[in-house]
N, C-alpha and C. Protein backbone atom coordinates (compact mmCIF):
# COMPACT_ATOMS: atom_id res chain seq x y z
N UNK A 1 112.47 -108.55 230.52
CA UNK A 1 111.69 -108.19 229.36
C UNK A 1 111.49 -106.26 230.21
N UNK A 2 111.50 -105.11 228.78
CA UNK A 2 111.55 -103.83 229.51
C UNK A 2 110.22 -103.65 230.26
N UNK A 3 110.18 -102.09 230.54
CA UNK A 3 108.90 -102.03 231.42
C UNK A 3 107.69 -101.88 230.09
N UNK A 4 107.89 -101.80 228.85
CA UNK A 4 106.89 -101.35 228.14
C UNK A 4 106.49 -102.69 227.61
N UNK A 5 106.71 -103.77 227.87
CA UNK A 5 106.59 -104.91 227.54
C UNK A 5 105.17 -105.70 228.16
N UNK A 6 104.75 -106.42 227.49
CA UNK A 6 103.51 -107.17 228.20
C UNK A 6 104.08 -108.13 229.08
N UNK A 7 103.38 -108.02 230.31
CA UNK A 7 103.57 -108.83 231.73
C UNK A 7 102.96 -109.95 231.46
N UNK A 8 103.34 -111.35 231.65
CA UNK A 8 102.58 -112.47 231.56
C UNK A 8 102.35 -113.11 232.96
N UNK A 9 101.46 -113.86 233.28
CA UNK A 9 101.51 -114.79 234.39
C UNK A 9 102.68 -115.69 234.55
N UNK A 10 103.46 -116.26 235.40
CA UNK A 10 104.55 -117.09 235.70
C UNK A 10 103.93 -118.53 234.94
N UNK A 11 102.54 -118.84 235.13
CA UNK A 11 102.36 -120.04 234.62
C UNK A 11 101.53 -120.06 233.04
N UNK A 12 101.97 -119.11 232.45
CA UNK A 12 101.60 -118.88 231.15
C UNK A 12 102.34 -119.96 230.10
N UNK A 13 101.33 -120.40 229.01
CA UNK A 13 101.86 -121.27 228.58
C UNK A 13 102.98 -121.11 227.73
N UNK A 14 104.16 -122.04 227.17
CA UNK A 14 105.51 -121.50 226.43
C UNK A 14 105.05 -120.96 225.29
N UNK A 15 104.23 -121.09 224.53
CA UNK A 15 103.95 -120.72 222.95
C UNK A 15 103.54 -119.39 223.11
N UNK A 16 102.63 -119.02 224.60
CA UNK A 16 102.45 -117.36 224.47
C UNK A 16 104.04 -116.68 224.94
N UNK A 17 104.73 -117.30 225.67
CA UNK A 17 105.68 -116.50 225.63
C UNK A 17 106.76 -116.61 224.68
N UNK A 18 106.67 -117.59 224.02
CA UNK A 18 107.38 -117.85 222.85
C UNK A 18 107.26 -116.26 221.63
N UNK A 19 105.64 -116.20 221.64
CA UNK A 19 105.45 -114.96 220.62
C UNK A 19 105.52 -113.63 221.40
N UNK A 20 105.47 -113.53 222.77
CA UNK A 20 105.47 -112.23 223.32
C UNK A 20 107.38 -112.14 223.20
N UNK A 21 108.18 -112.79 223.13
CA UNK A 21 109.53 -112.68 223.13
C UNK A 21 109.79 -112.01 221.73
N UNK A 22 108.99 -112.88 221.05
CA UNK A 22 109.02 -112.73 219.41
C UNK A 22 108.82 -110.98 218.99
N UNK A 23 107.54 -110.59 219.61
CA UNK A 23 106.93 -109.38 219.32
C UNK A 23 108.02 -108.25 219.88
N UNK A 24 108.31 -108.47 221.61
CA UNK A 24 109.59 -107.91 221.65
C UNK A 24 110.73 -107.67 221.02
N UNK A 25 110.92 -108.61 220.37
CA UNK A 25 112.65 -108.78 219.48
C UNK A 25 111.97 -107.55 218.41
N UNK A 26 111.19 -107.60 217.82
CA UNK A 26 110.32 -107.07 216.69
C UNK A 26 110.18 -105.38 216.74
N UNK A 27 109.70 -105.37 217.70
CA UNK A 27 109.42 -103.77 218.57
C UNK A 27 110.97 -103.43 218.75
N UNK A 28 111.74 -104.04 219.38
CA UNK A 28 112.88 -103.69 219.57
C UNK A 28 113.80 -103.40 218.20
N UNK A 29 114.03 -104.34 217.52
CA UNK A 29 114.56 -104.08 216.15
C UNK A 29 113.89 -103.02 215.27
N UNK A 30 112.62 -102.34 215.43
CA UNK A 30 111.93 -102.00 214.70
C UNK A 30 112.32 -100.55 215.34
N UNK A 31 112.52 -100.14 216.62
CA UNK A 31 112.95 -99.05 217.49
C UNK A 31 114.17 -98.59 216.88
N UNK A 32 115.34 -99.98 217.04
CA UNK A 32 116.61 -99.30 216.44
C UNK A 32 116.94 -99.07 215.33
N UNK A 33 115.85 -99.67 214.57
CA UNK A 33 116.09 -98.95 212.82
C UNK A 33 115.69 -97.49 212.96
N UNK A 34 114.62 -97.23 213.30
CA UNK A 34 113.99 -95.90 213.46
C UNK A 34 115.30 -94.87 214.08
N UNK A 35 115.44 -95.37 215.00
CA UNK A 35 117.00 -94.21 215.82
C UNK A 35 117.88 -94.22 214.55
N UNK A 36 118.21 -95.51 214.07
CA UNK A 36 119.39 -95.66 213.35
C UNK A 36 118.78 -94.29 211.85
N UNK A 37 117.74 -94.71 211.36
CA UNK A 37 117.60 -93.69 210.45
C UNK A 37 117.65 -92.15 210.89
N UNK A 38 116.69 -92.16 211.97
CA UNK A 38 116.60 -90.47 212.64
C UNK A 38 118.44 -89.94 212.61
N UNK A 39 118.98 -90.77 213.19
CA UNK A 39 120.36 -90.34 213.34
C UNK A 39 120.84 -89.99 212.15
N UNK A 40 120.87 -91.05 211.19
CA UNK A 40 121.65 -90.63 209.67
C UNK A 40 120.62 -89.14 209.04
N UNK A 41 119.21 -89.17 209.30
CA UNK A 41 118.87 -88.07 208.44
C UNK A 41 119.30 -86.78 209.30
N UNK A 42 119.56 -86.74 210.70
CA UNK A 42 120.41 -85.65 211.19
C UNK A 42 121.85 -85.15 211.09
N UNK A 43 122.79 -86.70 210.84
CA UNK A 43 124.25 -86.45 210.11
C UNK A 43 124.18 -86.04 208.89
N UNK A 44 123.28 -86.39 208.08
CA UNK A 44 122.84 -85.84 206.58
C UNK A 44 123.02 -84.28 206.52
N UNK A 45 121.78 -83.62 207.35
CA UNK A 45 121.76 -82.44 207.59
C UNK A 45 122.90 -81.65 208.14
N UNK A 46 123.70 -82.37 209.28
CA UNK A 46 124.93 -81.36 209.86
C UNK A 46 125.67 -81.59 208.55
N UNK A 47 126.20 -82.68 207.79
CA UNK A 47 127.01 -82.58 206.90
C UNK A 47 126.52 -81.41 205.54
N UNK A 48 125.69 -81.44 205.14
CA UNK A 48 124.99 -80.32 204.21
C UNK A 48 125.12 -78.94 204.86
N UNK A 49 125.13 -79.09 206.06
CA UNK A 49 125.30 -77.48 206.82
C UNK A 49 126.72 -77.42 206.68
N UNK A 50 127.44 -78.41 207.17
CA UNK A 50 129.02 -78.26 207.19
C UNK A 50 129.41 -77.48 205.61
N UNK A 51 128.89 -78.60 204.63
CA UNK A 51 129.30 -77.99 203.10
C UNK A 51 129.31 -76.74 202.72
N UNK A 52 127.91 -76.20 203.55
CA UNK A 52 127.28 -74.82 203.28
C UNK A 52 128.16 -74.18 203.75
N UNK A 53 128.94 -74.36 204.98
CA UNK A 53 129.62 -73.43 205.87
C UNK A 53 131.21 -73.31 205.21
N UNK A 54 131.70 -74.42 204.80
CA UNK A 54 132.67 -74.41 204.00
C UNK A 54 132.67 -73.75 202.55
N UNK A 55 131.67 -74.05 201.82
CA UNK A 55 131.81 -73.15 200.48
C UNK A 55 131.82 -71.79 201.08
N UNK A 56 131.06 -71.43 202.25
CA UNK A 56 131.14 -70.02 202.14
C UNK A 56 132.74 -69.48 202.73
N UNK A 57 133.81 -70.15 202.81
CA UNK A 57 135.00 -69.57 203.24
C UNK A 57 135.63 -68.82 201.89
N UNK A 58 136.90 -68.39 202.50
CA UNK A 58 137.67 -67.58 201.19
C UNK A 58 138.26 -68.72 200.38
N UNK A 59 138.72 -68.68 199.27
CA UNK A 59 139.74 -69.32 197.86
C UNK A 59 140.85 -70.10 199.31
N UNK A 60 141.29 -68.95 199.91
CA UNK A 60 142.58 -69.67 200.77
C UNK A 60 142.11 -70.37 202.31
N UNK A 61 141.31 -69.82 202.87
CA UNK A 61 140.56 -70.70 203.66
C UNK A 61 140.09 -72.06 203.52
N UNK A 62 139.67 -72.31 202.15
CA UNK A 62 139.13 -73.76 201.78
C UNK A 62 140.04 -74.73 201.19
N UNK A 63 141.36 -73.58 200.81
CA UNK A 63 142.59 -74.91 200.42
C UNK A 63 143.17 -75.47 201.49
N UNK A 64 143.19 -74.60 202.55
CA UNK A 64 143.90 -75.16 203.87
C UNK A 64 143.29 -76.04 204.47
N UNK A 65 141.36 -75.64 204.41
CA UNK A 65 140.70 -77.02 204.99
C UNK A 65 140.63 -78.05 203.97
N UNK A 66 140.69 -78.45 202.73
CA UNK A 66 140.90 -79.40 201.90
C UNK A 66 142.22 -80.07 202.34
N UNK A 67 143.45 -79.19 202.28
CA UNK A 67 144.57 -79.93 202.69
C UNK A 67 144.64 -80.81 203.91
N UNK A 68 143.82 -80.23 205.26
CA UNK A 68 143.70 -80.76 206.35
C UNK A 68 142.89 -81.96 206.24
N UNK A 69 141.79 -82.09 205.44
CA UNK A 69 140.86 -83.03 205.38
C UNK A 69 141.92 -84.17 204.80
N UNK A 70 142.45 -84.10 203.56
CA UNK A 70 143.27 -85.21 202.51
C UNK A 70 144.59 -85.59 203.56
N UNK A 71 144.69 -84.66 204.38
CA UNK A 71 146.16 -85.26 205.55
C UNK A 71 145.18 -86.27 206.48
N UNK A 72 143.85 -85.99 206.84
CA UNK A 72 143.59 -86.70 207.73
C UNK A 72 143.12 -88.27 207.54
N UNK A 73 142.69 -88.20 206.01
CA UNK A 73 142.56 -89.59 204.93
C UNK A 73 143.93 -90.24 204.90
N UNK A 74 145.00 -90.05 205.44
CA UNK A 74 146.28 -90.55 204.93
C UNK A 74 146.80 -91.45 206.20
N UNK A 75 146.16 -92.22 206.68
CA UNK A 75 146.21 -92.77 207.93
C UNK A 75 146.79 -94.74 207.87
N UNK A 76 146.52 -94.70 206.43
CA UNK A 76 147.17 -96.24 206.11
C UNK A 76 148.65 -96.27 205.20
N UNK A 77 149.37 -95.03 205.64
CA UNK A 77 150.86 -94.75 205.06
C UNK A 77 151.44 -95.91 205.38
N UNK A 78 152.28 -96.86 204.08
CA UNK A 78 152.91 -97.93 204.72
C UNK A 78 154.55 -97.72 205.08
N UNK A 79 154.56 -98.19 206.56
CA UNK A 79 156.07 -97.63 206.88
C UNK A 79 157.36 -97.79 206.19
N UNK A 80 157.04 -98.65 205.36
CA UNK A 80 158.32 -99.31 204.51
C UNK A 80 158.47 -98.07 203.61
N UNK A 81 157.74 -97.94 202.88
CA UNK A 81 157.97 -96.63 201.67
C UNK A 81 158.19 -95.77 202.23
N UNK A 82 157.51 -95.42 203.40
CA UNK A 82 157.22 -93.95 203.88
C UNK A 82 158.73 -93.71 204.13
N UNK A 83 159.54 -94.83 205.00
CA UNK A 83 160.75 -94.88 205.28
C UNK A 83 161.75 -94.75 204.02
N UNK A 84 161.61 -95.46 202.87
CA UNK A 84 162.41 -95.73 201.83
C UNK A 84 162.01 -93.97 201.11
N UNK A 85 161.18 -93.46 201.03
CA UNK A 85 161.19 -91.92 200.59
C UNK A 85 161.93 -91.31 201.60
N UNK A 86 161.85 -91.27 202.49
CA UNK A 86 162.39 -90.28 203.66
C UNK A 86 163.99 -90.78 203.35
N UNK A 87 164.71 -91.54 203.12
CA UNK A 87 165.82 -91.71 202.87
C UNK A 87 166.25 -91.25 201.48
N UNK A 88 165.56 -91.56 200.72
CA UNK A 88 166.01 -90.86 199.32
C UNK A 88 165.88 -89.39 199.15
N UNK A 89 164.88 -89.07 199.84
CA UNK A 89 165.08 -87.55 200.14
C UNK A 89 166.29 -86.54 200.73
N UNK A 90 166.78 -87.95 202.08
CA UNK A 90 167.83 -87.19 202.33
C UNK A 90 169.25 -87.35 201.91
N UNK A 91 169.02 -88.27 200.90
CA UNK A 91 170.01 -88.73 199.84
C UNK A 91 170.51 -87.62 198.93
N UNK A 92 169.30 -86.96 198.39
CA UNK A 92 169.29 -86.04 197.75
C UNK A 92 169.74 -84.95 197.99
N UNK A 93 169.34 -84.43 199.21
CA UNK A 93 169.81 -83.55 200.15
C UNK A 93 171.42 -83.23 200.28
N UNK A 94 171.66 -84.23 200.66
CA UNK A 94 173.52 -84.58 200.96
C UNK A 94 173.75 -84.37 199.83
N UNK A 95 173.26 -84.90 198.94
CA UNK A 95 174.03 -84.62 197.19
C UNK A 95 174.62 -83.36 196.87
N UNK A 96 173.23 -82.75 197.31
CA UNK A 96 173.27 -81.30 196.78
C UNK A 96 173.97 -80.31 197.97
N UNK A 97 174.13 -80.77 199.12
CA UNK A 97 174.90 -80.14 200.02
C UNK A 97 176.77 -80.42 200.01
N UNK A 98 176.86 -81.61 199.36
CA UNK A 98 178.20 -81.96 199.44
C UNK A 98 178.67 -81.47 197.65
N UNK A 99 177.84 -80.79 196.93
CA UNK A 99 178.09 -80.35 195.62
C UNK A 99 178.30 -81.59 194.83
N UNK A 100 177.83 -82.26 195.12
CA UNK A 100 177.51 -83.68 193.87
C UNK A 100 176.78 -83.69 192.26
N UNK A 101 175.72 -82.94 193.11
CA UNK A 101 174.56 -82.81 192.14
C UNK A 101 174.14 -80.80 192.31
N UNK A 102 173.60 -80.76 191.30
CA UNK A 102 173.41 -79.07 191.19
C UNK A 102 172.00 -78.66 190.78
N UNK A 103 171.17 -78.17 191.92
CA UNK A 103 169.50 -78.01 191.59
C UNK A 103 169.40 -77.74 190.63
N UNK A 104 168.31 -77.61 189.31
CA UNK A 104 167.84 -76.94 188.11
C UNK A 104 166.55 -76.78 188.70
N UNK A 105 166.14 -75.17 188.13
CA UNK A 105 164.94 -74.73 188.70
C UNK A 105 164.02 -75.50 188.04
N UNK A 106 162.61 -75.68 188.15
CA UNK A 106 161.39 -76.25 187.25
C UNK A 106 161.06 -75.63 185.72
N UNK A 107 161.58 -74.34 185.95
CA UNK A 107 161.51 -73.36 184.78
C UNK A 107 162.19 -74.21 183.39
N UNK A 108 163.65 -74.50 183.92
CA UNK A 108 164.97 -75.10 183.21
C UNK A 108 164.26 -76.26 182.71
N UNK A 109 163.84 -77.01 183.71
CA UNK A 109 163.80 -78.33 183.30
C UNK A 109 162.19 -78.38 182.34
N UNK A 110 161.54 -77.53 182.31
CA UNK A 110 160.29 -77.75 181.78
C UNK A 110 160.82 -77.32 180.09
N UNK A 111 161.82 -75.85 180.20
CA UNK A 111 162.13 -75.82 179.21
C UNK A 111 162.92 -76.75 178.31
N UNK A 112 163.60 -77.62 178.59
CA UNK A 112 164.24 -78.72 178.40
C UNK A 112 163.25 -79.60 177.71
N UNK A 113 162.42 -80.18 178.55
CA UNK A 113 161.21 -81.00 178.08
C UNK A 113 160.43 -80.73 177.04
N UNK A 114 160.26 -79.16 176.92
CA UNK A 114 159.54 -79.00 175.57
C UNK A 114 160.18 -78.95 174.43
N UNK A 115 161.91 -78.51 174.54
CA UNK A 115 162.82 -78.74 173.56
C UNK A 115 162.65 -80.22 172.97
N UNK A 116 162.91 -81.11 173.52
CA UNK A 116 162.72 -82.58 173.73
C UNK A 116 161.69 -82.78 172.67
N UNK A 117 160.67 -82.40 173.03
CA UNK A 117 159.18 -82.87 172.68
C UNK A 117 158.72 -82.06 171.41
N UNK A 118 159.39 -81.37 170.82
CA UNK A 118 159.48 -80.46 169.54
C UNK A 118 160.42 -81.32 168.64
N UNK A 119 160.80 -81.83 169.18
CA UNK A 119 162.04 -82.09 168.02
C UNK A 119 161.60 -83.52 167.25
């Protein structure tokens, strides 16, 4: 038992010991819940302060921060998919370097798409 718990004589009846243990556990659980709630309040205040600070940044700084936050969420990328995209990117790069494919600017592509959609 902890130092704040009720101390009973060694010859105390079992029912008294059992009740004391239940009270100790209830106090323990109550204390844990109280600490948990207090920590959540502190964390929420910290998050609110963090949001306030982030919103006070310039547009460029906020964009950089947003990019870094999104990058930090991308932890469960499937390695097979990542490797497949890397292979595809290298293949496309090589096709351009070898002259097999000629790159087209985004503006030209969008102009062609608009023409097709107008027909």
